[in-house]
Every structure is written in C-alpha cells, then in structure tokens.
Amino acid sequence: MAFLAWTISALVFVEIVLILLLLAPYLNRITAPLVANLLSKIRTPMYVLMVILAFVTADAARDMWKYSERLATDGAKGHAEKLDTQRFKFHAERNFYIYAFALTLFFIIIRLETVLTNYREMKRRLEALEAANKSK
C-alpha cells in the first residue's frame, strides 16, 4: 500500500504541473495547443485512472473507519496494540487525504480543459464573425 501512496503522490505533482500549464497566462499561446493535444490523447486513460482513484479513495475511507472503530472498542488492550492501531489509522487517514486531493485535481483538470476548449471555440467563432463583418 505504501507503493500506491507514493505513486499517487507522484501523480499529484504531475497534476499540479499540468494545472500550472493550463493556467499560465503568458505561456498560454505556446502551451495551450500542446496541452490541448496532450489532453485529447490521454482523455480515456485519464477517466479510467480517475475511476480507479475513486475506488482507492473509497478503500482508504473504509480503512479509516475500520481503525476508528477499532480504537473506540479496544479499551482493554495494551498500550502497544493501541499505538499500533493509532499508527494504522494515521496511515489510513494520510492515504485518504492524498487520494482525495489527487481525485480533486483530476476534476479540476477536466473542468479547466473544458473551459479552455470552449473559450478557444468561442474566440474562433468571434474572429470568424468579425472577419465576415469586415468583408461586408
């Protein structure tokens, strides 16, 4: 499970770089076609990865609940077992927040890509209308 957490953490950094490329105001003329081309090629794998990430997030939430319940009901156990349970609960919570943040960034990337695509389409239509008005 630790490998999965580190993999998702690396994915978060990639998502942050992609969001910065989408939001870069001065480099947008340069990066917009590149990022749009990249996002169009990886759209289906991105949706598949988002579904997998949703399942992993739900599993981490289940682990959080399991260790919270175990801590609430383990009053008679020793101090070492209680510390182990607290450690497992901490790891489950950490994983949940990492996975949820990665999932949120996926939603942000998809929405940004949609907004920028609509913006480029409207800008293209406006330029076509202005060209048609000038020719009249």
C-alpha atoms as a PDB file:
ATOM      1  CA  MET A   1       0.000   0.000   0.000  1.00  0.00           C
ATOM      2  CA  ALA A   2       2.955   2.329   0.566  1.00  0.00           C
ATOM      3  CA  PHE A   3       3.984   1.999  -3.080  1.00  0.00           C
ATOM      4  CA  LEU A   4       0.481   3.029  -4.115  1.00  0.00           C
ATOM      5  CA  ALA A   5       0.604   6.085  -1.850  1.00  0.00           C
ATOM      6  CA  TRP A   6       3.936   7.177  -3.327  1.00  0.00           C
ATOM      7  CA  THR A   7       2.665   6.586  -6.863  1.00  0.00           C
ATOM      8  CA  ILE A   8      -0.412   8.694  -6.212  1.00  0.00           C
ATOM      9  CA  SER A   9       1.795  11.369  -4.632  1.00  0.00           C
ATOM     10  CA  ALA A  10       3.872  11.494  -7.814  1.00  0.00           C
ATOM     11  CA  LEU A  11       0.636  11.717  -9.788  1.00  0.00           C
ATOM     12  CA  VAL A  12      -0.367  14.739  -7.687  1.00  0.00           C
ATOM     13  CA  PHE A  13       2.843  16.517  -8.697  1.00  0.00           C
ATOM     14  CA  VAL A  14       2.200  15.747 -12.372  1.00  0.00           C
ATOM     15  CA  GLU A  15      -1.352  17.070 -11.999  1.00  0.00           C
ATOM     16  CA  ILE A  16      -0.092  20.285 -10.398  1.00  0.00           C
ATOM     17  CA  VAL A  17       2.331  20.859 -13.276  1.00  0.00           C
ATOM     18  CA  LEU A  18      -0.476  20.233 -15.768  1.00  0.00           C
ATOM     19  CA  ILE A  19      -2.743  22.710 -13.972  1.00  0.00           C
ATOM     20  CA  LEU A  20       0.033  25.304 -13.971  1.00  0.00           C
ATOM     21  CA  LEU A  21       0.466  24.793 -17.710  1.00  0.00           C
ATOM     22  CA  LEU A  22      -3.261  25.260 -18.218  1.00  0.00           C
ATOM     23  CA  LEU A  23      -3.300  28.435 -16.154  1.00  0.00           C
ATOM     24  CA  ALA A  24      -0.066  30.023 -17.339  1.00  0.00           C
ATOM     25  CA  PRO A  25      -1.279  33.368 -18.749  1.00  0.00           C
ATOM     26  CA  TYR A  26       1.840  34.371 -20.657  1.00  0.00           C
ATOM     27  CA  LEU A  27       2.726  30.982 -21.979  1.00  0.00           C
ATOM     28  CA  ASN A  28      -0.843  30.102 -22.875  1.00  0.00           C
ATOM     29  CA  ARG A  29      -0.390  30.773 -26.604  1.00  0.00           C
ATOM     30  CA  ILE A  30       2.566  28.427 -26.608  1.00  0.00           C
ATOM     31  CA  THR A  31       1.366  25.773 -24.200  1.00  0.00           C
ATOM     32  CA  ALA A  32      -2.357  25.747 -24.994  1.00  0.00           C
ATOM     33  CA  PRO A  33      -2.109  23.762 -28.241  1.00  0.00           C
ATOM     34  CA  LEU A  34       0.411  21.375 -26.706  1.00  0.00           C
ATOM     35  CA  VAL A  35      -1.641  20.781 -23.568  1.00  0.00           C
ATOM     36  CA  ALA A  36      -4.883  20.505 -25.577  1.00  0.00           C
ATOM     37  CA  ASN A  37      -3.266  17.906 -27.832  1.00  0.00           C
ATOM     38  CA  LEU A  38      -1.921  16.023 -24.815  1.00  0.00           C
ATOM     39  CA  LEU A  39      -5.266  16.079 -23.008  1.00  0.00           C
ATOM     40  CA  SER A  40      -7.128  14.897 -26.089  1.00  0.00           C
ATOM     41  CA  LYS A  41      -4.786  11.913 -26.376  1.00  0.00           C
ATOM     42  CA  ILE A  42      -4.958  10.910 -22.716  1.00  0.00           C
ATOM     43  CA  ARG A  43      -8.644  11.639 -22.062  1.00  0.00           C
ATOM     44  CA  THR A  44      -9.784   7.989 -21.891  1.00  0.00           C
ATOM     45  CA  PRO A  45      -6.851   6.784 -19.759  1.00  0.00           C
ATOM     46  CA  MET A  46      -7.425   9.770 -17.504  1.00  0.00           C
ATOM     47  CA  TYR A  47     -11.061   8.777 -16.939  1.00  0.00           C
ATOM     48  CA  VAL A  48     -10.022   5.177 -16.235  1.00  0.00           C
ATOM     49  CA  LEU A  49      -7.401   6.397 -13.775  1.00  0.00           C
ATOM     50  CA  MET A  50      -9.987   8.644 -12.148  1.00  0.00           C
ATOM     51  CA  VAL A  51     -12.342   5.675 -11.596  1.00  0.00           C
ATOM     52  CA  ILE A  52      -9.500   3.621 -10.131  1.00  0.00           C
ATOM     53  CA  LEU A  53      -8.586   6.552  -7.908  1.00  0.00           C
ATOM     54  CA  ALA A  54     -12.197   6.820  -6.738  1.00  0.00           C
ATOM     55  CA  PHE A  55     -12.149   3.153  -5.715  1.00  0.00           C
ATOM     56  CA  VAL A  56      -8.817   3.579  -3.927  1.00  0.00           C
ATOM     57  CA  THR A  57     -10.169   6.643  -2.114  1.00  0.00           C
ATOM     58  CA  ALA A  58     -13.237   4.677  -1.024  1.00  0.00           C
ATOM     59  CA  ASP A  59     -10.978   1.869   0.222  1.00  0.00           C
ATOM     60  CA  ALA A  60      -8.898   4.358   2.209  1.00  0.00           C
ATOM     61  CA  ALA A  61     -12.092   5.779   3.722  1.00  0.00           C
ATOM     62  CA  ARG A  62     -13.105   2.235   4.708  1.00  0.00           C
ATOM     63  CA  ASP A  63      -9.713   1.726   6.359  1.00  0.00           C
ATOM     64  CA  MET A  64     -10.112   4.992   8.276  1.00  0.00           C
ATOM     65  CA  TRP A  65     -13.491   3.869   9.541  1.00  0.00           C
ATOM     66  CA  LYS A  66     -12.160   0.419  10.456  1.00  0.00           C
ATOM     67  CA  TYR A  67      -9.296   1.761  12.565  1.00  0.00           C
ATOM     68  CA  SER A  68     -11.503   4.410  14.179  1.00  0.00           C
ATOM     69  CA  GLU A  69     -13.939   1.709  15.231  1.00  0.00           C
ATOM     70  CA  ARG A  70     -11.094  -0.458  16.482  1.00  0.00           C
ATOM     71  CA  LEU A  71      -9.756   2.416  18.608  1.00  0.00           C
ATOM     72  CA  ALA A  72     -13.215   3.105  20.029  1.00  0.00           C
ATOM     73  CA  THR A  73     -13.815  -0.522  21.043  1.00  0.00           C
ATOM     74  CA  ASP A  74     -10.294  -1.535  22.190  1.00  0.00           C
ATOM     75  CA  GLY A  75     -10.318  -0.201  25.739  1.00  0.00           C
ATOM     76  CA  ALA A  76      -8.927  -3.340  27.364  1.00  0.00           C
ATOM     77  CA  LYS A  77      -5.955  -3.932  25.064  1.00  0.00           C
ATOM     78  CA  GLY A  78      -2.423  -2.989  25.919  1.00  0.00           C
ATOM     79  CA  HIS A  79      -0.654   0.232  25.172  1.00  0.00           C
ATOM     80  CA  ALA A  80       1.418  -1.251  22.307  1.00  0.00           C
ATOM     81  CA  GLU A  81      -1.656  -2.513  20.455  1.00  0.00           C
ATOM     82  CA  LYS A  82      -3.357   0.851  20.893  1.00  0.00           C
ATOM     83  CA  LEU A  83      -0.300   2.647  19.492  1.00  0.00           C
ATOM     84  CA  ASP A  84      -0.214   0.276  16.530  1.00  0.00           C
ATOM     85  CA  THR A  85      -3.876   0.919  15.832  1.00  0.00           C
ATOM     86  CA  GLN A  86      -3.292   4.678  16.042  1.00  0.00           C
ATOM     87  CA  ARG A  87      -0.395   4.325  13.621  1.00  0.00           C
ATOM     88  CA  PHE A  88      -2.523   2.355  11.169  1.00  0.00           C
ATOM     89  CA  LYS A  89      -5.297   4.921  11.494  1.00  0.00           C
ATOM     90  CA  PHE A  90      -2.833   7.738  10.806  1.00  0.00           C
ATOM     91  CA  HIS A  91      -1.580   5.989   7.667  1.00  0.00           C
ATOM     92  CA  ALA A  92      -5.138   5.342   6.501  1.00  0.00           C
ATOM     93  CA  GLU A  93      -6.051   8.998   7.029  1.00  0.00           C
ATOM     94  CA  ARG A  94      -2.918  10.183   5.250  1.00  0.00           C
ATOM     95  CA  ASN A  95      -3.621   7.927   2.287  1.00  0.00           C
ATOM     96  CA  PHE A  96      -7.244   9.050   2.161  1.00  0.00           C
ATOM     97  CA  TYR A  97      -6.301  12.733   2.020  1.00  0.00           C
ATOM     98  CA  ILE A  98      -3.638  12.141  -0.637  1.00  0.00           C
ATOM     99  CA  TYR A  99      -6.051  10.137  -2.788  1.00  0.00           C
ATOM    100  CA  ALA A 100      -8.897  12.616  -2.309  1.00  0.00           C
ATOM    101  CA  PHE A 101      -6.613  15.509  -3.248  1.00  0.00           C
ATOM    102  CA  ALA A 102      -5.471  13.683  -6.394  1.00  0.00           C
ATOM    103  CA  LEU A 103      -9.094  12.974  -7.309  1.00  0.00           C
ATOM    104  CA  THR A 104      -9.996  16.634  -6.771  1.00  0.00           C
ATOM    105  CA  LEU A 105      -7.138  17.699  -9.023  1.00  0.00           C
ATOM    106  CA  PHE A 106      -8.457  15.357 -11.727  1.00  0.00           C
ATOM    107  CA  PHE A 107     -11.819  17.092 -11.539  1.00  0.00           C
ATOM    108  CA  ILE A 108     -10.117  20.489 -11.739  1.00  0.00           C
ATOM    109  CA  ILE A 109      -8.061  19.450 -14.766  1.00  0.00           C
ATOM    110  CA  ILE A 110     -11.113  18.137 -16.591  1.00  0.00           C
ATOM    111  CA  ARG A 111     -13.083  21.302 -15.861  1.00  0.00           C
ATOM    112  CA  LEU A 112     -10.194  23.571 -16.878  1.00  0.00           C
ATOM    113  CA  GLU A 113      -9.767  21.678 -20.104  1.00  0.00           C
ATOM    114  CA  THR A 114     -13.479  22.040 -20.857  1.00  0.00           C
ATOM    115  CA  VAL A 115     -13.481  25.765 -20.098  1.00  0.00           C
ATOM    116  CA  LEU A 116     -10.373  26.403 -22.192  1.00  0.00           C
ATOM    117  CA  THR A 117     -11.745  24.369 -25.096  1.00  0.00           C
ATOM    118  CA  ASN A 118     -14.982  26.352 -25.003  1.00  0.00           C
ATOM    119  CA  TYR A 119     -13.008  29.593 -24.782  1.00  0.00           C
ATOM    120  CA  ARG A 120     -10.914  28.714 -27.835  1.00  0.00           C
ATOM    121  CA  GLU A 121     -14.043  27.720 -29.765  1.00  0.00           C
ATOM    122  CA  MET A 122     -15.846  30.970 -28.884  1.00  0.00           C
ATOM    123  CA  LYS A 123     -12.761  33.001 -29.763  1.00  0.00           C
ATOM    124  CA  ARG A 124     -12.541  31.250 -33.124  1.00  0.00           C
ATOM    125  CA  ARG A 125     -16.243  31.957 -33.788  1.00  0.00           C
ATOM    126  CA  LEU A 126     -15.828  35.614 -32.797  1.00  0.00           C
ATOM    127  CA  GLU A 127     -12.885  36.035 -35.155  1.00  0.00           C
ATOM    128  CA  ALA A 128     -14.898  34.428 -37.956  1.00  0.00           C
ATOM    129  CA  LEU A 129     -17.834  36.776 -37.300  1.00  0.00           C
ATOM    130  CA  GLU A 130     -15.543  39.818 -37.180  1.00  0.00           C
ATOM    131  CA  ALA A 131     -13.959  38.751 -40.476  1.00  0.00           C
ATOM    132  CA  ALA A 132     -17.418  38.312 -42.012  1.00  0.00           C
ATOM    133  CA  ASN A 133     -18.497  41.755 -40.762  1.00  0.00           C
ATOM    134  CA  LYS A 134     -15.367  43.404 -42.189  1.00  0.00           C
ATOM    135  CA  SER A 135     -15.913  41.825 -45.588  1.00  0.00           C
ATOM    136  CA  LYS A 136     -19.477  43.251 -45.845  1.00  0.00           C
END
